[in-house]
Amino acid sequence: VINADDYYGSHAFKMAYDFLTENEDTADTYRYMMVGYKLENTL
C-alpha cells in the first residue's frame, strides 16, 4: 500500500516484491514490511 502522490523509486518496489514473495506468515506471527527512507531525502 502506498500514497498516490508520492514518488518512491524503483528500488522500493523491487525490495517489497521480493519480500512478499519470499516471506509468509507463521502460525503465530504476521510477517509484514515497510520501506524506510533517509530523512534528508524526504524534505
PDB file of all heavy atoms in Angstrom:
ATOM      1  N   VAL A   1       0.849  -1.187   0.000  1.00  0.00           N
ATOM      2  CA  VAL A   1       0.000   0.000   0.000  1.00  0.00           C
ATOM      3  C   VAL A   1       0.888   1.241   0.000  1.00  0.00           C
ATOM      4  O   VAL A   1       1.894   1.299   0.704  1.00  0.00           O
ATOM      5  CB  VAL A   1      -0.967  -0.009   1.210  1.00  0.00           C
ATOM      6  CG1 VAL A   1      -0.216  -0.075   2.524  1.00  0.00           C
ATOM      7  CG2 VAL A   1      -1.887   1.205   1.180  1.00  0.00           C
ATOM      8  N   ILE A   2       0.528   2.211  -0.857  1.00  0.00           N
ATOM      9  CA  ILE A   2       1.306   3.444  -0.986  1.00  0.00           C
ATOM     10  C   ILE A   2       0.361   4.641  -1.063  1.00  0.00           C
ATOM     11  O   ILE A   2      -0.842   4.491  -1.268  1.00  0.00           O
ATOM     12  CB  ILE A   2       2.201   3.438  -2.241  1.00  0.00           C
ATOM     13  CG1 ILE A   2       1.351   3.382  -3.514  1.00  0.00           C
ATOM     14  CG2 ILE A   2       3.209   2.305  -2.185  1.00  0.00           C
ATOM     15  CD1 ILE A   2       2.146   3.583  -4.804  1.00  0.00           C
ATOM     16  N   ASN A   3       0.937   5.823  -0.914  1.00  0.00           N
ATOM     17  CA  ASN A   3       0.199   7.059  -1.180  1.00  0.00           C
ATOM     18  C   ASN A   3       0.189   7.338  -2.681  1.00  0.00           C
ATOM     19  O   ASN A   3       1.148   7.010  -3.389  1.00  0.00           O
ATOM     20  CB  ASN A   3       0.847   8.243  -0.462  1.00  0.00           C
ATOM     21  CG  ASN A   3       0.721   8.161   1.042  1.00  0.00           C
ATOM     22  OD1 ASN A   3      -0.191   7.533   1.578  1.00  0.00           O
ATOM     23  ND2 ASN A   3       1.661   8.790   1.744  1.00  0.00           N
ATOM     24  N   ALA A   4      -0.863   7.974  -3.145  1.00  0.00           N
ATOM     25  CA  ALA A   4      -0.993   8.253  -4.572  1.00  0.00           C
ATOM     26  C   ALA A   4      -0.032   9.328  -5.050  1.00  0.00           C
ATOM     27  O   ALA A   4       0.388   9.320  -6.211  1.00  0.00           O
ATOM     28  CB  ALA A   4      -2.431   8.672  -4.886  1.00  0.00           C
ATOM     29  N   ASP A   5       0.320  10.256  -4.178  1.00  0.00           N
ATOM     30  CA  ASP A   5       1.050  11.445  -4.620  1.00  0.00           C
ATOM     31  C   ASP A   5       2.521  11.433  -4.209  1.00  0.00           C
ATOM     32  O   ASP A   5       3.156  12.480  -4.143  1.00  0.00           O
ATOM     33  CB  ASP A   5       0.367  12.705  -4.088  1.00  0.00           C
ATOM     34  CG  ASP A   5       0.041  12.615  -2.604  1.00  0.00           C
ATOM     35  OD1 ASP A   5       0.381  11.590  -1.979  1.00  0.00           O
ATOM     36  OD2 ASP A   5      -0.563  13.564  -2.073  1.00  0.00           O
ATOM     37  N   ASP A   6       3.063  10.243  -3.932  1.00  0.00           N
ATOM     38  CA  ASP A   6       4.469  10.127  -3.551  1.00  0.00           C
ATOM     39  C   ASP A   6       5.243   9.331  -4.598  1.00  0.00           C
ATOM     40  O   ASP A   6       4.764   8.308  -5.090  1.00  0.00           O
ATOM     41  CB  ASP A   6       4.614   9.420  -2.199  1.00  0.00           C
ATOM     42  CG  ASP A   6       4.085  10.250  -1.043  1.00  0.00           C
ATOM     43  OD1 ASP A   6       3.867  11.450  -1.239  1.00  0.00           O
ATOM     44  OD2 ASP A   6       3.897   9.685   0.054  1.00  0.00           O
ATOM     45  N   TYR A   7       6.453   9.786  -4.889  1.00  0.00           N
ATOM     46  CA  TYR A   7       7.364   9.032  -5.760  1.00  0.00           C
ATOM     47  C   TYR A   7       8.314   8.245  -4.860  1.00  0.00           C
ATOM     48  O   TYR A   7       9.063   8.823  -4.067  1.00  0.00           O
ATOM     49  CB  TYR A   7       8.157   9.973  -6.673  1.00  0.00           C
ATOM     50  CG  TYR A   7       9.243   9.247  -7.446  1.00  0.00           C
ATOM     51  CD1 TYR A   7       8.946   8.608  -8.643  1.00  0.00           C
ATOM     52  CD2 TYR A   7      10.543   9.165  -6.951  1.00  0.00           C
ATOM     53  CE1 TYR A   7       9.934   7.907  -9.336  1.00  0.00           C
ATOM     54  CE2 TYR A   7      11.528   8.470  -7.635  1.00  0.00           C
ATOM     55  CZ  TYR A   7      11.213   7.845  -8.823  1.00  0.00           C
ATOM     56  OH  TYR A   7      12.176   7.140  -9.497  1.00  0.00           O
ATOM     57  N   TYR A   8       8.304   6.914  -4.998  1.00  0.00           N
ATOM     58  CA  TYR A   8       9.055   6.058  -4.088  1.00  0.00           C
ATOM     59  C   TYR A   8      10.355   5.515  -4.685  1.00  0.00           C
ATOM     60  O   TYR A   8      11.255   5.137  -3.936  1.00  0.00           O
ATOM     61  CB  TYR A   8       8.181   4.881  -3.654  1.00  0.00           C
ATOM     62  CG  TYR A   8       7.023   5.288  -2.774  1.00  0.00           C
ATOM     63  CD1 TYR A   8       5.756   5.536  -3.308  1.00  0.00           C
ATOM     64  CD2 TYR A   8       7.188   5.434  -1.401  1.00  0.00           C
ATOM     65  CE1 TYR A   8       4.701   5.913  -2.508  1.00  0.00           C
ATOM     66  CE2 TYR A   8       6.132   5.812  -0.590  1.00  0.00           C
ATOM     67  CZ  TYR A   8       4.890   6.054  -1.142  1.00  0.00           C
ATOM     68  OH  TYR A   8       3.836   6.429  -0.340  1.00  0.00           O
ATOM     69  N   GLY A   9      10.464   5.443  -6.010  1.00  0.00           N
ATOM     70  CA  GLY A   9      11.663   4.916  -6.639  1.00  0.00           C
ATOM     71  C   GLY A   9      11.578   3.430  -6.914  1.00  0.00           C
ATOM     72  O   GLY A   9      10.906   2.677  -6.204  1.00  0.00           O
ATOM     73  N   SER A  10      12.270   2.987  -7.950  1.00  0.00           N
ATOM     74  CA  SER A  10      12.169   1.600  -8.397  1.00  0.00           C
ATOM     75  C   SER A  10      12.713   0.606  -7.370  1.00  0.00           C
ATOM     76  O   SER A  10      12.211  -0.511  -7.245  1.00  0.00           O
ATOM     77  CB  SER A  10      12.915   1.433  -9.727  1.00  0.00           C
ATOM     78  OG  SER A  10      14.289   1.792  -9.583  1.00  0.00           O
ATOM     79  N   HIS A  11      13.744   1.001  -6.627  1.00  0.00           N
ATOM     80  CA  HIS A  11      14.352   0.093  -5.646  1.00  0.00           C
ATOM     81  C   HIS A  11      13.343  -0.345  -4.594  1.00  0.00           C
ATOM     82  O   HIS A  11      13.325  -1.508  -4.162  1.00  0.00           O
ATOM     83  CB  HIS A  11      15.548   0.787  -4.988  1.00  0.00           C
ATOM     84  CG  HIS A  11      16.332  -0.084  -4.059  1.00  0.00           C
ATOM     85  ND1 HIS A  11      16.912   0.382  -2.906  1.00  0.00           N
ATOM     86  CD2 HIS A  11      16.620  -1.412  -4.106  1.00  0.00           C
ATOM     87  CE1 HIS A  11      17.526  -0.602  -2.285  1.00  0.00           C
ATOM     88  NE2 HIS A  11      17.373  -1.705  -2.989  1.00  0.00           N
ATOM     89  N   ALA A  12      12.475   0.568  -4.192  1.00  0.00           N
ATOM     90  CA  ALA A  12      11.490   0.262  -3.153  1.00  0.00           C
ATOM     91  C   ALA A  12      10.543  -0.851  -3.586  1.00  0.00           C
ATOM     92  O   ALA A  12      10.249  -1.773  -2.809  1.00  0.00           O
ATOM     93  CB  ALA A  12      10.705   1.523  -2.807  1.00  0.00           C
ATOM     94  N   PHE A  13      10.072  -0.794  -4.814  1.00  0.00           N
ATOM     95  CA  PHE A  13       9.115  -1.799  -5.285  1.00  0.00           C
ATOM     96  C   PHE A  13       9.781  -3.152  -5.480  1.00  0.00           C
ATOM     97  O   PHE A  13       9.166  -4.192  -5.227  1.00  0.00           O
ATOM     98  CB  PHE A  13       8.452  -1.323  -6.574  1.00  0.00           C
ATOM     99  CG  PHE A  13       7.501  -0.188  -6.352  1.00  0.00           C
ATOM    100  CD1 PHE A  13       7.907   1.126  -6.563  1.00  0.00           C
ATOM    101  CD2 PHE A  13       6.209  -0.419  -5.917  1.00  0.00           C
ATOM    102  CE1 PHE A  13       7.046   2.177  -6.341  1.00  0.00           C
ATOM    103  CE2 PHE A  13       5.339   0.627  -5.688  1.00  0.00           C
ATOM    104  CZ  PHE A  13       5.754   1.933  -5.902  1.00  0.00           C
ATOM    105  N   LYS A  14      11.035  -3.148  -5.919  1.00  0.00           N
ATOM    106  CA  LYS A  14      11.743  -4.420  -6.069  1.00  0.00           C
ATOM    107  C   LYS A  14      11.955  -5.084  -4.709  1.00  0.00           C
ATOM    108  O   LYS A  14      11.738  -6.295  -4.550  1.00  0.00           O
ATOM    109  CB  LYS A  14      13.098  -4.174  -6.747  1.00  0.00           C
ATOM    110  CG  LYS A  14      13.892  -5.448  -7.035  1.00  0.00           C
ATOM    111  CD  LYS A  14      13.176  -6.329  -8.049  1.00  0.00           C
ATOM    112  CE  LYS A  14      14.037  -7.475  -8.549  1.00  0.00           C
ATOM    113  NZ  LYS A  14      14.379  -8.447  -7.500  1.00  0.00           N
ATOM    114  N   MET A  15      12.361  -4.306  -3.707  1.00  0.00           N
ATOM    115  CA  MET A  15      12.539  -4.853  -2.363  1.00  0.00           C
ATOM    116  C   MET A  15      11.229  -5.375  -1.806  1.00  0.00           C
ATOM    117  O   MET A  15      11.175  -6.461  -1.197  1.00  0.00           O
ATOM    118  CB  MET A  15      13.116  -3.784  -1.424  1.00  0.00           C
ATOM    119  CG  MET A  15      14.551  -3.402  -1.678  1.00  0.00           C
ATOM    120  SD  MET A  15      15.246  -2.414  -0.308  1.00  0.00           S
ATOM    121  CE  MET A  15      14.173  -0.968  -0.342  1.00  0.00           C
ATOM    122  N   ALA A  16      10.158  -4.612  -2.006  1.00  0.00           N
ATOM    123  CA  ALA A  16       8.855  -5.012  -1.479  1.00  0.00           C
ATOM    124  C   ALA A  16       8.369  -6.298  -2.132  1.00  0.00           C
ATOM    125  O   ALA A  16       7.879  -7.213  -1.449  1.00  0.00           O
ATOM    126  CB  ALA A  16       7.850  -3.882  -1.698  1.00  0.00           C
ATOM    127  N   TYR A  17       8.502  -6.375  -3.455  1.00  0.00           N
ATOM    128  CA  TYR A  17       8.045  -7.575  -4.163  1.00  0.00           C
ATOM    129  C   TYR A  17       8.821  -8.804  -3.698  1.00  0.00           C
ATOM    130  O   TYR A  17       8.231  -9.860  -3.427  1.00  0.00           O
ATOM    131  CB  TYR A  17       8.205  -7.390  -5.666  1.00  0.00           C
ATOM    132  CG  TYR A  17       7.680  -8.566  -6.464  1.00  0.00           C
ATOM    133  CD1 TYR A  17       6.345  -8.639  -6.825  1.00  0.00           C
ATOM    134  CD2 TYR A  17       8.525  -9.606  -6.835  1.00  0.00           C
ATOM    135  CE1 TYR A  17       5.856  -9.723  -7.543  1.00  0.00           C
ATOM    136  CE2 TYR A  17       8.049 -10.694  -7.543  1.00  0.00           C
ATOM    137  CZ  TYR A  17       6.711 -10.740  -7.903  1.00  0.00           C
ATOM    138  OH  TYR A  17       6.239 -11.824  -8.593  1.00  0.00           O
ATOM    139  N   ASP A  18      10.128  -8.676  -3.597  1.00  0.00           N
ATOM    140  CA  ASP A  18      10.950  -9.808  -3.172  1.00  0.00           C
ATOM    141  C   ASP A  18      10.579 -10.260  -1.765  1.00  0.00           C
ATOM    142  O   ASP A  18      10.504 -11.465  -1.486  1.00  0.00           O
ATOM    143  CB  ASP A  18      12.436  -9.443  -3.230  1.00  0.00           C
ATOM    144  CG  ASP A  18      12.952  -9.311  -4.655  1.00  0.00           C
ATOM    145  OD1 ASP A  18      12.252  -9.767  -5.588  1.00  0.00           O
ATOM    146  OD2 ASP A  18      14.042  -8.739  -4.841  1.00  0.00           O
ATOM    147  N   PHE A  19      10.341  -9.309  -0.874  1.00  0.00           N
ATOM    148  CA  PHE A  19       9.982  -9.680   0.496  1.00  0.00           C
ATOM    149  C   PHE A  19       8.665 -10.443   0.531  1.00  0.00           C
ATOM    150  O   PHE A  19       8.549 -11.481   1.190  1.00  0.00           O
ATOM    151  CB  PHE A  19       9.875  -8.433   1.378  1.00  0.00           C
ATOM    152  CG  PHE A  19       9.497  -8.741   2.816  1.00  0.00           C
ATOM    153  CD1 PHE A  19      10.483  -8.946   3.763  1.00  0.00           C
ATOM    154  CD2 PHE A  19       8.164  -8.844   3.202  1.00  0.00           C
ATOM    155  CE1 PHE A  19      10.147  -9.251   5.076  1.00  0.00           C
ATOM    156  CE2 PHE A  19       7.820  -9.147   4.518  1.00  0.00           C
ATOM    157  CZ  PHE A  19       8.817  -9.354   5.451  1.00  0.00           C
ATOM    158  N   LEU A  20       7.669  -9.955  -0.183  1.00  0.00           N
ATOM    159  CA  LEU A  20       6.347 -10.571  -0.142  1.00  0.00           C
ATOM    160  C   LEU A  20       6.332 -11.956  -0.784  1.00  0.00           C
ATOM    161  O   LEU A  20       5.526 -12.814  -0.403  1.00  0.00           O
ATOM    162  CB  LEU A  20       5.317  -9.669  -0.818  1.00  0.00           C
ATOM    163  CG  LEU A  20       5.016  -8.349  -0.096  1.00  0.00           C
ATOM    164  CD1 LEU A  20       4.001  -7.533  -0.885  1.00  0.00           C
ATOM    165  CD2 LEU A  20       4.510  -8.592   1.313  1.00  0.00           C
ATOM    166  N   THR A  21       7.194 -12.172  -1.767  1.00  0.00           N
ATOM    167  CA  THR A  21       7.226 -13.487  -2.408  1.00  0.00           C
ATOM    168  C   THR A  21       8.082 -14.485  -1.639  1.00  0.00           C
ATOM    169  O   THR A  21       7.905 -15.696  -1.806  1.00  0.00           O
ATOM    170  CB  THR A  21       7.757 -13.379  -3.851  1.00  0.00           C
ATOM    171  OG1 THR A  21       9.018 -12.723  -3.859  1.00  0.00           O
ATOM    172  CG2 THR A  21       6.782 -12.619  -4.728  1.00  0.00           C
ATOM    173  N   GLU A  22       8.960 -13.990  -0.789  1.00  0.00           N
ATOM    174  CA  GLU A  22       9.874 -14.879  -0.074  1.00  0.00           C
ATOM    175  C   GLU A  22       9.488 -15.106   1.383  1.00  0.00           C
ATOM    176  O   GLU A  22      10.065 -15.963   2.061  1.00  0.00           O
ATOM    177  CB  GLU A  22      11.300 -14.308  -0.129  1.00  0.00           C
ATOM    178  CG  GLU A  22      11.871 -14.262  -1.549  1.00  0.00           C
ATOM    179  CD  GLU A  22      13.156 -13.461  -1.640  1.00  0.00           C
ATOM    180  OE1 GLU A  22      13.629 -12.978  -0.575  1.00  0.00           O
ATOM    181  OE2 GLU A  22      13.669 -13.290  -2.765  1.00  0.00           O
ATOM    182  N   ASN A  23       8.516 -14.351   1.901  1.00  0.00           N
ATOM    183  CA  ASN A  23       8.138 -14.451   3.308  1.00  0.00           C
ATOM    184  C   ASN A  23       6.643 -14.697   3.445  1.00  0.00           C
ATOM    185  O   ASN A  23       5.832 -14.098   2.726  1.00  0.00           O
ATOM    186  CB  ASN A  23       8.507 -13.164   4.055  1.00  0.00           C
ATOM    187  CG  ASN A  23      10.003 -12.944   4.126  1.00  0.00           C
ATOM    188  OD1 ASN A  23      10.666 -13.404   5.051  1.00  0.00           O
ATOM    189  ND2 ASN A  23      10.552 -12.231   3.143  1.00  0.00           N
ATOM    190  N   GLU A  24       6.280 -15.546   4.379  1.00  0.00           N
ATOM    191  CA  GLU A  24       4.884 -15.839   4.668  1.00  0.00           C
ATOM    192  C   GLU A  24       4.641 -15.764   6.170  1.00  0.00           C
ATOM    193  O   GLU A  24       5.571 -15.937   6.970  1.00  0.00           O
ATOM    194  CB  GLU A  24       4.500 -17.228   4.151  1.00  0.00           C
ATOM    195  CG  GLU A  24       4.578 -17.377   2.637  1.00  0.00           C
ATOM    196  CD  GLU A  24       4.182 -18.775   2.171  1.00  0.00           C
ATOM    197  OE1 GLU A  24       3.981 -19.654   3.055  1.00  0.00           O
ATOM    198  OE2 GLU A  24       4.066 -18.985   0.948  1.00  0.00           O
ATOM    199  N   ASP A  25       3.390 -15.528   6.560  1.00  0.00           N
ATOM    200  CA  ASP A  25       3.031 -15.554   7.969  1.00  0.00           C
ATOM    201  C   ASP A  25       3.312 -16.939   8.545  1.00  0.00           C
ATOM    202  O   ASP A  25       3.167 -17.961   7.858  1.00  0.00           O
ATOM    203  CB  ASP A  25       1.544 -15.234   8.155  1.00  0.00           C
ATOM    204  CG  ASP A  25       1.198 -13.814   7.741  1.00  0.00           C
ATOM    205  OD1 ASP A  25       2.124 -12.994   7.612  1.00  0.00           O
ATOM    206  OD2 ASP A  25      -0.003 -13.531   7.560  1.00  0.00           O
ATOM    207  N   THR A  26       3.710 -16.965   9.810  1.00  0.00           N
ATOM    208  CA  THR A  26       3.835 -18.233  10.513  1.00  0.00           C
ATOM    209  C   THR A  26       2.561 -18.476  11.309  1.00  0.00           C
ATOM    210  O   THR A  26       1.625 -17.670  11.273  1.00  0.00           O
ATOM    211  CB  THR A  26       5.050 -18.219  11.448  1.00  0.00           C
ATOM    212  OG1 THR A  26       4.862 -17.212  12.459  1.00  0.00           O
ATOM    213  CG2 THR A  26       6.319 -17.918  10.670  1.00  0.00           C
ATOM    214  N   ALA A  27       2.510 -19.568  12.045  1.00  0.00           N
ATOM    215  CA  ALA A  27       1.302 -19.924  12.784  1.00  0.00           C
ATOM    216  C   ALA A  27       0.926 -18.862  13.815  1.00  0.00           C
ATOM    217  O   ALA A  27      -0.260 -18.649  14.092  1.00  0.00           O
ATOM    218  CB  ALA A  27       1.488 -21.277  13.464  1.00  0.00           C
ATOM    219  N   ASP A  28       1.919 -18.172  14.368  1.00  0.00           N
ATOM    220  CA  ASP A  28       1.613 -17.208  15.432  1.00  0.00           C
ATOM    221  C   ASP A  28       2.138 -15.796  15.161  1.00  0.00           C
ATOM    222  O   ASP A  28       2.014 -14.916  16.011  1.00  0.00           O
ATOM    223  CB  ASP A  28       2.178 -17.702  16.767  1.00  0.00           C
ATOM    224  CG  ASP A  28       3.678 -17.992  16.700  1.00  0.00           C
ATOM    225  OD1 ASP A  28       4.271 -17.820  15.621  1.00  0.00           O
ATOM    226  OD2 ASP A  28       4.247 -18.392  17.731  1.00  0.00           O
ATOM    227  N   THR A  29       2.714 -15.552  13.987  1.00  0.00           N
ATOM    228  CA  THR A  29       3.293 -14.234  13.710  1.00  0.00           C
ATOM    229  C   THR A  29       3.026 -13.800  12.273  1.00  0.00           C
ATOM    230  O   THR A  29       3.309 -14.546  11.336  1.00  0.00           O
ATOM    231  CB  THR A  29       4.821 -14.244  13.948  1.00  0.00           C
ATOM    232  OG1 THR A  29       5.105 -14.728  15.260  1.00  0.00           O
ATOM    233  CG2 THR A  29       5.396 -12.836  13.801  1.00  0.00           C
ATOM    234  N   TYR A  30       2.485 -12.598  12.122  1.00  0.00           N
ATOM    235  CA  TYR A  30       2.357 -11.996  10.799  1.00  0.00           C
ATOM    236  C   TYR A  30       3.711 -11.412  10.410  1.00  0.00           C
ATOM    237  O   TYR A  30       4.382 -10.798  11.246  1.00  0.00           O
ATOM    238  CB  TYR A  30       1.323 -10.872  10.798  1.00  0.00           C
ATOM    239  CG  TYR A  30      -0.044 -11.259  11.314  1.00  0.00           C
ATOM    240  CD1 TYR A  30      -0.744 -10.400  12.159  1.00  0.00           C
ATOM    241  CD2 TYR A  30      -0.643 -12.458  10.947  1.00  0.00           C
ATOM    242  CE1 TYR A  30      -2.006 -10.729  12.625  1.00  0.00           C
ATOM    243  CE2 TYR A  30      -1.904 -12.799  11.412  1.00  0.00           C
ATOM    244  CZ  TYR A  30      -2.580 -11.927  12.255  1.00  0.00           C
ATOM    245  OH  TYR A  30      -3.834 -12.260  12.714  1.00  0.00           O
ATOM    246  N   ARG A  31       4.078 -11.555   9.154  1.00  0.00           N
ATOM    247  CA  ARG A  31       5.358 -11.029   8.690  1.00  0.00           C
ATOM    248  C   ARG A  31       5.100  -9.921   7.670  1.00  0.00           C
ATOM    249  O   ARG A  31       4.788 -10.180   6.511  1.00  0.00           O
ATOM    250  CB  ARG A  31       6.214 -12.148   8.104  1.00  0.00           C
ATOM    251  CG  ARG A  31       6.491 -13.261   9.116  1.00  0.00           C
ATOM    252  CD  ARG A  31       7.466 -14.271   8.587  1.00  0.00           C
ATOM    253  NE  ARG A  31       8.822 -13.704   8.479  1.00  0.00           N
ATOM    254  CZ  ARG A  31       9.854 -14.381   7.992  1.00  0.00           C
ATOM    255  NH1 ARG A  31       9.699 -15.615   7.553  1.00  0.00           N
ATOM    256  NH2 ARG A  31      11.038 -13.814   7.914  1.00  0.00           N
ATOM    257  N   TYR A  32       5.239  -8.685   8.144  1.00  0.00           N
ATOM    258  CA  TYR A  32       4.973  -7.512   7.324  1.00  0.00           C
ATOM    259  C   TYR A  32       6.289  -6.800   6.998  1.00  0.00           C
ATOM    260  O   TYR A  32       7.357  -7.166   7.484  1.00  0.00           O
ATOM    261  CB  TYR A  32       4.051  -6.540   8.065  1.00  0.00           C
ATOM    262  CG  TYR A  32       2.705  -7.111   8.464  1.00  0.00           C
ATOM    263  CD1 TYR A  32       2.013  -6.584   9.562  1.00  0.00           C
ATOM    264  CD2 TYR A  32       2.109  -8.160   7.755  1.00  0.00           C
ATOM    265  CE1 TYR A  32       0.775  -7.083   9.930  1.00  0.00           C
ATOM    266  CE2 TYR A  32       0.868  -8.657   8.123  1.00  0.00           C
ATOM    267  CZ  TYR A  32       0.214  -8.125   9.215  1.00  0.00           C
ATOM    268  OH  TYR A  32      -1.017  -8.621   9.585  1.00  0.00           O
ATOM    269  N   MET A  33       6.193  -5.763   6.183  1.00  0.00           N
ATOM    270  CA  MET A  33       7.369  -4.973   5.827  1.00  0.00           C
ATOM    271  C   MET A  33       6.979  -3.518   5.627  1.00  0.00           C
ATOM    272  O   MET A  33       5.819  -3.178   5.431  1.00  0.00           O
ATOM    273  CB  MET A  33       8.039  -5.501   4.564  1.00  0.00           C
ATOM    274  CG  MET A  33       7.113  -5.649   3.375  1.00  0.00           C
ATOM    275  SD  MET A  33       7.535  -4.746   1.849  1.00  0.00           S
ATOM    276  CE  MET A  33       7.579  -3.053   2.278  1.00  0.00           C
ATOM    277  N   MET A  34       7.999  -2.682   5.682  1.00  0.00           N
ATOM    278  CA  MET A  34       7.842  -1.256   5.420  1.00  0.00           C
ATOM    279  C   MET A  34       9.109  -0.769   4.736  1.00  0.00           C
ATOM    280  O   MET A  34      10.206  -1.210   5.091  1.00  0.00           O
ATOM    281  CB  MET A  34       7.636  -0.498   6.733  1.00  0.00           C
ATOM    282  CG  MET A  34       7.352   0.984   6.579  1.00  0.00           C
ATOM    283  SD  MET A  34       7.742   1.899   8.085  1.00  0.00           S
ATOM    284  CE  MET A  34       9.523   2.001   7.942  1.00  0.00           C
ATOM    285  N   VAL A  35       8.970   0.090   3.758  1.00  0.00           N
ATOM    286  CA  VAL A  35      10.146   0.707   3.135  1.00  0.00           C
ATOM    287  C   VAL A  35      10.435   2.014   3.862  1.00  0.00           C
ATOM    288  O   VAL A  35       9.551   2.868   4.015  1.00  0.00           O
ATOM    289  CB  VAL A  35       9.927   0.966   1.634  1.00  0.00           C
ATOM    290  CG1 VAL A  35      11.127   1.714   1.047  1.00  0.00           C
ATOM    291  CG2 VAL A  35       9.724  -0.355   0.895  1.00  0.00           C
ATOM    292  N   GLY A  36      11.667   2.136   4.350  1.00  0.00           N
ATOM    293  CA  GLY A  36      12.080   3.348   5.046  1.00  0.00           C
ATOM    294  C   GLY A  36      13.031   4.168   4.190  1.00  0.00           C
ATOM    295  O   GLY A  36      13.764   3.636   3.342  1.00  0.00           O
ATOM    296  N   TYR A  37      13.026   5.472   4.417  1.00  0.00           N
ATOM    297  CA  TYR A  37      13.854   6.392   3.642  1.00  0.00           C
ATOM    298  C   TYR A  37      14.734   7.220   4.584  1.00  0.00           C
ATOM    299  O   TYR A  37      14.362   7.501   5.731  1.00  0.00           O
ATOM    300  CB  TYR A  37      12.984   7.340   2.805  1.00  0.00           C
ATOM    301  CG  TYR A  37      12.314   6.654   1.642  1.00  0.00           C
ATOM    302  CD1 TYR A  37      11.172   5.884   1.835  1.00  0.00           C
ATOM    303  CD2 TYR A  37      12.842   6.735   0.364  1.00  0.00           C
ATOM    304  CE1 TYR A  37      10.565   5.229   0.778  1.00  0.00           C
ATOM    305  CE2 TYR A  37      12.247   6.085  -0.698  1.00  0.00           C
ATOM    306  CZ  TYR A  37      11.108   5.337  -0.487  1.00  0.00           C
ATOM    307  OH  TYR A  37      10.521   4.682  -1.534  1.00  0.00           O
ATOM    308  N   LYS A  38      15.878   7.607   4.056  1.00  0.00           N
ATOM    309  CA  LYS A  38      16.752   8.508   4.791  1.00  0.00           C
ATOM    310  C   LYS A  38      16.037   9.848   4.927  1.00  0.00           C
ATOM    311  O   LYS A  38      15.581  10.423   3.934  1.00  0.00           O
ATOM    312  CB  LYS A  38      18.072   8.662   4.033  1.00  0.00           C
ATOM    313  CG  LYS A  38      19.143   9.439   4.758  1.00  0.00           C
ATOM    314  CD  LYS A  38      20.426   9.460   3.931  1.00  0.00           C
ATOM    315  CE  LYS A  38      21.502  10.291   4.619  1.00  0.00           C
ATOM    316  NZ  LYS A  38      22.751  10.338   3.798  1.00  0.00           N
ATOM    317  N   LEU A  39      15.923  10.346   6.147  1.00  0.00           N
ATOM    318  CA  LEU A  39      15.150  11.560   6.418  1.00  0.00           C
ATOM    319  C   LEU A  39      15.518  12.701   5.482  1.00  0.00           C
ATOM    320  O   LEU A  39      14.639  13.379   4.926  1.00  0.00           O
ATOM    321  CB  LEU A  39      15.366  11.985   7.876  1.00  0.00           C
ATOM    322  CG  LEU A  39      14.775  13.334   8.295  1.00  0.00           C
ATOM    323  CD1 LEU A  39      13.262  13.360   8.109  1.00  0.00           C
ATOM    324  CD2 LEU A  39      15.136  13.642   9.754  1.00  0.00           C
ATOM    325  N   GLU A  40      16.818  12.897   5.281  1.00  0.00           N
ATOM    326  CA  GLU A  40      17.267  14.031   4.452  1.00  0.00           C
ATOM    327  C   GLU A  40      16.789  13.917   3.009  1.00  0.00           C
ATOM    328  O   GLU A  40      16.735  14.930   2.289  1.00  0.00           O
ATOM    329  CB  GLU A  40      18.793  14.132   4.491  1.00  0.00           C
ATOM    330  CG  GLU A  40      19.366  14.562   5.831  1.00  0.00           C
ATOM    331  CD  GLU A  40      19.425  13.441   6.852  1.00  0.00           C
ATOM    332  OE1 GLU A  40      19.143  12.265   6.507  1.00  0.00           O
ATOM    333  OE2 GLU A  40      19.762  13.733   8.017  1.00  0.00           O
ATOM    334  N   ASN A  41      16.442  12.708   2.573  1.00  0.00           N
ATOM    335  CA  ASN A  41      15.965  12.502   1.196  1.00  0.00           C
ATOM    336  C   ASN A  41      14.471  12.741   1.046  1.00  0.00           C
ATOM    337  O   ASN A  41      13.922  12.504  -0.032  1.00  0.00           O
ATOM    338  CB  ASN A  41      16.284  11.078   0.736  1.00  0.00           C
ATOM    339  CG  ASN A  41      17.757  10.876   0.444  1.00  0.00           C
ATOM    340  OD1 ASN A  41      18.505  11.841   0.269  1.00  0.00           O
ATOM    341  ND2 ASN A  41      18.186   9.629   0.387  1.00  0.00           N
ATOM    342  N   THR A  42      13.820  13.212   2.099  1.00  0.00           N
ATOM    343  CA  THR A  42      12.361  13.382   2.044  1.00  0.00           C
ATOM    344  C   THR A  42      11.910  14.797   2.397  1.00  0.00           C
ATOM    345  O   THR A  42      10.714  15.036   2.541  1.00  0.00           O
ATOM    346  CB  THR A  42      11.669  12.405   3.014  1.00  0.00           C
ATOM    347  OG1 THR A  42      11.895  12.823   4.378  1.00  0.00           O
ATOM    348  CG2 THR A  42      12.174  10.985   2.834  1.00  0.00           C
ATOM    349  N   LEU A  43      12.846  15.732   2.531  1.00  0.00           N
ATOM    350  CA  LEU A  43      12.490  17.078   2.987  1.00  0.00           C
ATOM    351  C   LEU A  43      12.165  18.002   1.811  1.00  0.00           C
ATOM    352  O   LEU A  43      12.507  17.725   0.664  1.00  0.00           O
ATOM    353  CB  LEU A  43      13.632  17.665   3.818  1.00  0.00           C
ATOM    354  CG  LEU A  43      14.022  16.868   5.072  1.00  0.00           C
ATOM    355  CD1 LEU A  43      15.208  17.532   5.770  1.00  0.00           C
ATOM    356  CD2 LEU A  43      12.832  16.739   6.017  1.00  0.00           C
TER     357      LEU A  43
END
